[in-house]
N, C-alpha and C. Protein backbone atom coordinates (compact mmCIF):
# COMPACT_ATOMS: atom_id res chain seq x y z
N UNK A 1 -14.52 14.05 11.56
CA UNK A 1 -14.69 13.00 10.58
C UNK A 1 -14.56 11.65 11.29
N UNK A 2 -15.41 10.73 10.93
CA UNK A 2 -15.34 9.40 11.54
C UNK A 2 -14.18 8.61 10.97
N UNK A 3 -13.78 7.58 11.69
CA UNK A 3 -12.70 6.72 11.21
C UNK A 3 -13.10 6.04 9.91
N UNK A 4 -14.35 5.62 9.79
CA UNK A 4 -14.80 4.96 8.57
C UNK A 4 -14.78 5.92 7.38
N UNK A 5 -15.17 7.16 7.60
CA UNK A 5 -15.11 8.16 6.52
C UNK A 5 -13.67 8.39 6.09
N UNK A 6 -12.77 8.46 7.05
CA UNK A 6 -11.35 8.62 6.73
C UNK A 6 -10.82 7.38 6.00
N UNK A 7 -11.27 6.21 6.41
CA UNK A 7 -10.86 4.97 5.73
C UNK A 7 -11.28 5.00 4.27
N UNK A 8 -12.48 5.49 4.01
CA UNK A 8 -12.96 5.58 2.62
C UNK A 8 -12.10 6.53 1.79
N UNK A 9 -11.68 7.64 2.40
CA UNK A 9 -10.81 8.58 1.68
C UNK A 9 -9.46 7.95 1.37
N UNK A 10 -8.91 7.22 2.33
CA UNK A 10 -7.64 6.52 2.08
C UNK A 10 -7.81 5.45 1.01
N UNK A 11 -8.94 4.78 1.00
CA UNK A 11 -9.21 3.77 -0.02
C UNK A 11 -9.25 4.41 -1.41
N UNK A 12 -9.87 5.58 -1.51
CA UNK A 12 -9.91 6.29 -2.79
C UNK A 12 -8.51 6.70 -3.24
N UNK A 13 -7.68 7.16 -2.31
CA UNK A 13 -6.29 7.50 -2.65
C UNK A 13 -5.53 6.26 -3.08
N UNK A 14 -5.74 5.16 -2.38
CA UNK A 14 -5.07 3.91 -2.73
C UNK A 14 -5.41 3.52 -4.17
N UNK A 15 -6.67 3.66 -4.55
CA UNK A 15 -7.10 3.33 -5.91
C UNK A 15 -6.43 4.26 -6.92
N UNK A 16 -6.39 5.54 -6.61
CA UNK A 16 -5.77 6.52 -7.52
C UNK A 16 -4.30 6.18 -7.76
N UNK A 17 -3.56 5.90 -6.69
CA UNK A 17 -2.15 5.57 -6.85
C UNK A 17 -1.96 4.20 -7.50
N UNK A 18 -2.87 3.28 -7.28
CA UNK A 18 -2.78 1.98 -7.96
C UNK A 18 -3.02 2.16 -9.45
N UNK A 19 -3.98 3.01 -9.82
CA UNK A 19 -4.20 3.32 -11.24
C UNK A 19 -2.94 3.92 -11.86
N UNK A 20 -2.29 4.83 -11.14
CA UNK A 20 -1.05 5.45 -11.63
C UNK A 20 0.05 4.41 -11.76
N UNK A 21 0.13 3.48 -10.82
CA UNK A 21 1.15 2.43 -10.88
C UNK A 21 0.93 1.55 -12.11
N UNK A 22 -0.31 1.18 -12.35
CA UNK A 22 -0.62 0.33 -13.51
C UNK A 22 -0.30 1.06 -14.82
N UNK A 23 -0.67 2.33 -14.91
CA UNK A 23 -0.39 3.11 -16.12
C UNK A 23 1.11 3.28 -16.33
N UNK A 24 1.84 3.53 -15.25
CA UNK A 24 3.30 3.70 -15.35
C UNK A 24 3.97 2.40 -15.77
N UNK A 25 3.47 1.29 -15.27
CA UNK A 25 4.04 0.00 -15.65
C UNK A 25 3.85 -0.24 -17.15
N UNK A 26 2.68 0.08 -17.66
CA UNK A 26 2.41 -0.08 -19.09
C UNK A 26 3.34 0.79 -19.93
N UNK A 27 3.72 1.95 -19.40
CA UNK A 27 4.63 2.86 -20.10
C UNK A 27 6.10 2.53 -19.86
N UNK A 28 6.35 1.42 -19.15
CA UNK A 28 7.70 0.95 -18.81
C UNK A 28 8.45 1.95 -17.93
N UNK A 29 7.72 2.67 -17.10
CA UNK A 29 8.29 3.58 -16.11
C UNK A 29 8.31 2.83 -14.78
N UNK A 30 9.27 1.94 -14.63
CA UNK A 30 9.25 0.96 -13.55
C UNK A 30 9.49 1.57 -12.17
N UNK A 31 10.35 2.58 -12.08
CA UNK A 31 10.54 3.24 -10.79
C UNK A 31 9.26 3.95 -10.36
N UNK A 32 8.64 4.65 -11.28
CA UNK A 32 7.39 5.35 -10.98
C UNK A 32 6.28 4.36 -10.64
N UNK A 33 6.19 3.28 -11.38
CA UNK A 33 5.17 2.26 -11.09
C UNK A 33 5.33 1.74 -9.68
N UNK A 34 6.57 1.47 -9.30
CA UNK A 34 6.84 0.94 -7.97
C UNK A 34 6.56 1.98 -6.89
N UNK A 35 7.01 3.20 -7.11
CA UNK A 35 6.77 4.27 -6.12
C UNK A 35 5.27 4.49 -5.92
N UNK A 36 4.52 4.50 -6.99
CA UNK A 36 3.06 4.67 -6.88
C UNK A 36 2.42 3.47 -6.19
N UNK A 37 2.93 2.28 -6.47
CA UNK A 37 2.41 1.07 -5.81
C UNK A 37 2.65 1.14 -4.31
N UNK A 38 3.82 1.64 -3.91
CA UNK A 38 4.13 1.78 -2.49
C UNK A 38 3.15 2.75 -1.82
N UNK A 39 2.92 3.89 -2.44
CA UNK A 39 1.99 4.87 -1.87
C UNK A 39 0.58 4.29 -1.80
N UNK A 40 0.20 3.55 -2.82
CA UNK A 40 -1.10 2.88 -2.79
C UNK A 40 -1.18 1.91 -1.62
N UNK A 41 -0.12 1.12 -1.44
CA UNK A 41 -0.10 0.15 -0.35
C UNK A 41 -0.19 0.80 1.02
N UNK A 42 0.49 1.91 1.19
CA UNK A 42 0.43 2.62 2.47
C UNK A 42 -0.98 3.16 2.73
N UNK A 43 -1.60 3.70 1.69
CA UNK A 43 -2.98 4.18 1.86
C UNK A 43 -3.94 3.03 2.12
N UNK A 44 -3.70 1.88 1.52
CA UNK A 44 -4.52 0.70 1.81
C UNK A 44 -4.35 0.28 3.26
N UNK A 45 -3.12 0.30 3.75
CA UNK A 45 -2.86 -0.02 5.16
C UNK A 45 -3.62 0.93 6.06
N UNK A 46 -3.58 2.21 5.74
CA UNK A 46 -4.31 3.20 6.54
C UNK A 46 -5.81 2.91 6.53
N UNK A 47 -6.36 2.59 5.35
CA UNK A 47 -7.79 2.29 5.25
C UNK A 47 -8.16 1.08 6.08
N UNK A 48 -7.34 0.05 6.03
CA UNK A 48 -7.60 -1.17 6.80
C UNK A 48 -7.60 -0.86 8.29
N UNK A 49 -6.57 -0.18 8.75
CA UNK A 49 -6.45 0.12 10.18
C UNK A 49 -7.58 1.02 10.66
N UNK A 50 -7.92 2.01 9.88
CA UNK A 50 -9.02 2.90 10.26
C UNK A 50 -10.35 2.15 10.30
N UNK A 51 -10.58 1.29 9.32
CA UNK A 51 -11.84 0.55 9.27
C UNK A 51 -11.96 -0.48 10.38
N UNK A 52 -10.84 -1.13 10.70
CA UNK A 52 -10.91 -2.25 11.65
C UNK A 52 -10.65 -1.86 13.10
N UNK A 53 -9.78 -0.87 13.33
CA UNK A 53 -9.47 -0.50 14.72
C UNK A 53 -9.73 0.98 15.03
N UNK A 54 -10.13 1.74 14.02
CA UNK A 54 -10.52 3.13 14.26
C UNK A 54 -9.40 4.14 14.30
N UNK A 55 -8.18 3.71 13.97
CA UNK A 55 -7.07 4.67 13.94
C UNK A 55 -5.95 4.14 13.05
N UNK A 56 -5.11 5.08 12.62
CA UNK A 56 -3.91 4.74 11.84
C UNK A 56 -2.86 5.79 12.14
N UNK A 57 -1.69 5.34 12.50
CA UNK A 57 -0.60 6.26 12.80
C UNK A 57 0.08 6.70 11.52
N UNK A 58 0.47 7.95 11.47
CA UNK A 58 1.16 8.51 10.31
C UNK A 58 2.62 8.74 10.68
N UNK A 59 3.49 7.90 10.15
CA UNK A 59 4.92 8.14 10.33
C UNK A 59 5.68 7.43 9.23
N UNK A 60 6.96 7.73 9.13
CA UNK A 60 7.79 7.16 8.07
C UNK A 60 8.47 5.87 8.48
N UNK A 61 8.15 5.36 9.64
CA UNK A 61 8.76 4.12 10.13
C UNK A 61 8.03 2.93 9.53
N UNK A 62 8.69 2.27 8.58
CA UNK A 62 8.05 1.16 7.88
C UNK A 62 7.75 -0.01 8.79
N UNK A 63 8.61 -0.27 9.74
CA UNK A 63 8.36 -1.38 10.67
C UNK A 63 7.13 -1.08 11.53
N UNK A 64 6.96 0.17 11.91
CA UNK A 64 5.78 0.54 12.69
C UNK A 64 4.51 0.36 11.86
N UNK A 65 4.58 0.70 10.58
CA UNK A 65 3.43 0.51 9.69
C UNK A 65 3.07 -0.96 9.58
N UNK A 66 4.09 -1.79 9.46
CA UNK A 66 3.85 -3.24 9.38
C UNK A 66 3.24 -3.76 10.67
N UNK A 67 3.78 -3.32 11.80
CA UNK A 67 3.26 -3.75 13.10
C UNK A 67 1.82 -3.31 13.30
N UNK A 68 1.54 -2.09 12.88
CA UNK A 68 0.18 -1.57 13.00
C UNK A 68 -0.80 -2.41 12.18
N UNK A 69 -0.41 -2.76 10.97
CA UNK A 69 -1.27 -3.58 10.13
C UNK A 69 -1.46 -4.96 10.74
N UNK A 70 -0.39 -5.53 11.23
CA UNK A 70 -0.46 -6.86 11.84
C UNK A 70 -1.40 -6.87 13.04
N UNK A 71 -1.45 -5.78 13.78
CA UNK A 71 -2.30 -5.68 14.97
C UNK A 71 -3.77 -5.44 14.64
N UNK A 72 -4.09 -5.25 13.37
CA UNK A 72 -5.47 -4.93 12.98
C UNK A 72 -6.35 -6.17 12.84
N UNK A 73 -5.87 -7.32 13.29
CA UNK A 73 -6.69 -8.52 13.24
C UNK A 73 -6.27 -9.47 12.14
N UNK A 74 -7.06 -10.51 11.90
CA UNK A 74 -6.68 -11.54 10.92
C UNK A 74 -6.38 -10.99 9.53
N UNK A 75 -7.19 -10.05 9.05
CA UNK A 75 -6.95 -9.48 7.72
C UNK A 75 -5.60 -8.77 7.68
N UNK A 76 -5.31 -8.02 8.72
CA UNK A 76 -4.03 -7.32 8.80
C UNK A 76 -2.85 -8.27 8.90
N UNK A 77 -3.00 -9.32 9.69
CA UNK A 77 -1.91 -10.30 9.82
C UNK A 77 -1.62 -10.98 8.49
N UNK A 78 -2.66 -11.24 7.72
CA UNK A 78 -2.48 -11.87 6.41
C UNK A 78 -1.74 -10.94 5.45
N UNK A 79 -2.04 -9.65 5.51
CA UNK A 79 -1.48 -8.70 4.54
C UNK A 79 -0.17 -8.07 4.99
N UNK A 80 0.21 -8.21 6.24
CA UNK A 80 1.44 -7.58 6.74
C UNK A 80 2.68 -8.00 5.95
N UNK A 81 2.87 -9.29 5.62
CA UNK A 81 4.05 -9.64 4.83
C UNK A 81 4.04 -9.02 3.43
N UNK A 82 2.85 -8.85 2.88
CA UNK A 82 2.72 -8.23 1.55
C UNK A 82 3.18 -6.78 1.62
N UNK A 83 2.74 -6.06 2.65
CA UNK A 83 3.19 -4.68 2.84
C UNK A 83 4.70 -4.64 3.04
N UNK A 84 5.24 -5.58 3.78
CA UNK A 84 6.69 -5.62 4.00
C UNK A 84 7.46 -5.77 2.70
N UNK A 85 7.01 -6.68 1.85
CA UNK A 85 7.69 -6.87 0.55
C UNK A 85 7.62 -5.60 -0.28
N UNK A 86 6.47 -4.96 -0.27
CA UNK A 86 6.28 -3.73 -1.04
C UNK A 86 7.17 -2.61 -0.52
N UNK A 87 7.21 -2.43 0.78
CA UNK A 87 8.01 -1.36 1.36
C UNK A 87 9.51 -1.54 1.12
N UNK A 88 9.96 -2.78 0.98
CA UNK A 88 11.38 -3.02 0.71
C UNK A 88 11.83 -2.46 -0.64
N UNK A 89 10.89 -2.22 -1.54
CA UNK A 89 11.24 -1.67 -2.86
C UNK A 89 11.23 -0.14 -2.89
N UNK A 90 10.72 0.48 -1.84
CA UNK A 90 10.55 1.94 -1.82
C UNK A 90 11.87 2.69 -2.02
N UNK A 91 12.88 2.33 -1.27
CA UNK A 91 14.15 3.06 -1.34
C UNK A 91 14.77 2.96 -2.73
N UNK A 92 14.77 1.76 -3.31
CA UNK A 92 15.34 1.61 -4.64
C UNK A 92 14.56 2.42 -5.67
N UNK A 93 13.25 2.41 -5.57
CA UNK A 93 12.43 3.13 -6.55
C UNK A 93 12.59 4.64 -6.44
N UNK A 94 12.77 5.14 -5.21
CA UNK A 94 12.73 6.58 -5.02
C UNK A 94 14.07 7.24 -4.78
N UNK A 95 15.05 6.52 -4.23
CA UNK A 95 16.26 7.21 -3.77
C UNK A 95 17.58 6.68 -4.32
N UNK A 96 17.66 5.41 -4.63
CA UNK A 96 18.94 4.84 -5.05
C UNK A 96 19.21 5.11 -6.52
N UNK A 97 20.49 4.95 -6.90
CA UNK A 97 20.84 5.15 -8.30
C UNK A 97 20.49 3.93 -9.15
N UNK A 98 20.28 2.78 -8.53
CA UNK A 98 19.85 1.60 -9.29
C UNK A 98 18.34 1.65 -9.46
N UNK A 99 17.89 1.10 -10.58
CA UNK A 99 16.46 1.14 -10.90
C UNK A 99 15.76 -0.16 -10.54
N UNK A 100 14.48 -0.07 -10.44
CA UNK A 100 13.63 -1.24 -10.21
C UNK A 100 13.51 -2.00 -11.52
N UNK A 101 13.63 -3.30 -11.46
CA UNK A 101 13.50 -4.13 -12.66
C UNK A 101 12.04 -4.23 -13.08
N UNK A 102 11.80 -4.55 -14.35
CA UNK A 102 10.41 -4.76 -14.78
C UNK A 102 9.70 -5.83 -13.94
N UNK A 103 10.41 -6.89 -13.59
CA UNK A 103 9.81 -7.97 -12.79
C UNK A 103 9.43 -7.48 -11.40
N UNK A 104 10.30 -6.68 -10.78
CA UNK A 104 9.99 -6.16 -9.45
C UNK A 104 8.85 -5.14 -9.50
N UNK A 105 8.80 -4.35 -10.55
CA UNK A 105 7.68 -3.40 -10.69
C UNK A 105 6.36 -4.15 -10.83
N UNK A 106 6.39 -5.24 -11.59
CA UNK A 106 5.18 -6.06 -11.74
C UNK A 106 4.74 -6.61 -10.40
N UNK A 107 5.70 -7.12 -9.62
CA UNK A 107 5.38 -7.64 -8.29
C UNK A 107 4.82 -6.53 -7.40
N UNK A 108 5.42 -5.35 -7.46
CA UNK A 108 4.96 -4.23 -6.63
C UNK A 108 3.49 -3.90 -6.93
N UNK A 109 3.14 -3.88 -8.20
CA UNK A 109 1.75 -3.59 -8.57
C UNK A 109 0.83 -4.71 -8.08
N UNK A 110 1.28 -5.95 -8.20
CA UNK A 110 0.48 -7.08 -7.71
C UNK A 110 0.28 -6.99 -6.20
N UNK A 111 1.34 -6.66 -5.47
CA UNK A 111 1.23 -6.55 -4.01
C UNK A 111 0.32 -5.40 -3.61
N UNK A 112 0.45 -4.28 -4.30
CA UNK A 112 -0.43 -3.13 -4.02
C UNK A 112 -1.89 -3.49 -4.30
N UNK A 113 -2.10 -4.28 -5.34
CA UNK A 113 -3.46 -4.73 -5.67
C UNK A 113 -4.03 -5.60 -4.55
N UNK A 114 -3.22 -6.51 -4.03
CA UNK A 114 -3.67 -7.35 -2.92
C UNK A 114 -4.04 -6.51 -1.70
N UNK A 115 -3.20 -5.53 -1.40
CA UNK A 115 -3.49 -4.65 -0.27
C UNK A 115 -4.76 -3.85 -0.51
N UNK A 116 -4.93 -3.36 -1.72
CA UNK A 116 -6.13 -2.60 -2.05
C UNK A 116 -7.39 -3.46 -1.90
N UNK A 117 -7.32 -4.67 -2.40
CA UNK A 117 -8.47 -5.57 -2.29
C UNK A 117 -8.79 -5.87 -0.82
N UNK A 118 -7.75 -6.03 -0.01
CA UNK A 118 -7.96 -6.22 1.42
C UNK A 118 -8.59 -5.00 2.07
N UNK A 119 -8.16 -3.83 1.64
CA UNK A 119 -8.72 -2.59 2.17
C UNK A 119 -10.19 -2.44 1.77
N UNK A 120 -10.50 -2.81 0.53
CA UNK A 120 -11.90 -2.77 0.10
C UNK A 120 -12.77 -3.62 1.01
N UNK A 121 -12.30 -4.82 1.30
CA UNK A 121 -13.05 -5.72 2.17
C UNK A 121 -13.21 -5.17 3.57
N UNK A 122 -12.16 -4.56 4.09
CA UNK A 122 -12.22 -4.00 5.45
C UNK A 122 -13.19 -2.82 5.52
N UNK A 123 -13.16 -1.98 4.51
CA UNK A 123 -14.02 -0.79 4.51
C UNK A 123 -15.48 -1.18 4.31
N UNK A 124 -15.71 -2.19 3.50
CA UNK A 124 -17.09 -2.66 3.29
C UNK A 124 -17.65 -3.34 4.52
N UNK A 125 -16.73 -3.93 5.31
CA UNK A 125 -17.15 -4.60 6.53
C UNK A 125 -17.67 -5.92 6.23
């Protein structure tokens, strides 16, 4: 499979998880909305990196994901802080006993949307 074909598949996954994040937010399921937004953002990062540099590393190291995005050129450098903000909410949404606030869930969906839009642009070329 080519890198561009893989980027398109990641873009489709990013859209699916973004749709889930938006639906969960409407249902006031803020932890789920945030968790889905994070997964969408990660898939958007993968799509961007695959489209722009032909590869994307798969690991759980959030700093490595941010560095990889930043190294993908101007588009990646612009979106790297957005991914960083989104990833900071992952632990609270998925693992901690405290919940994500409605305001933070809204921000997470907005950040995931920005990443998705950036990925769309990268994949389209």
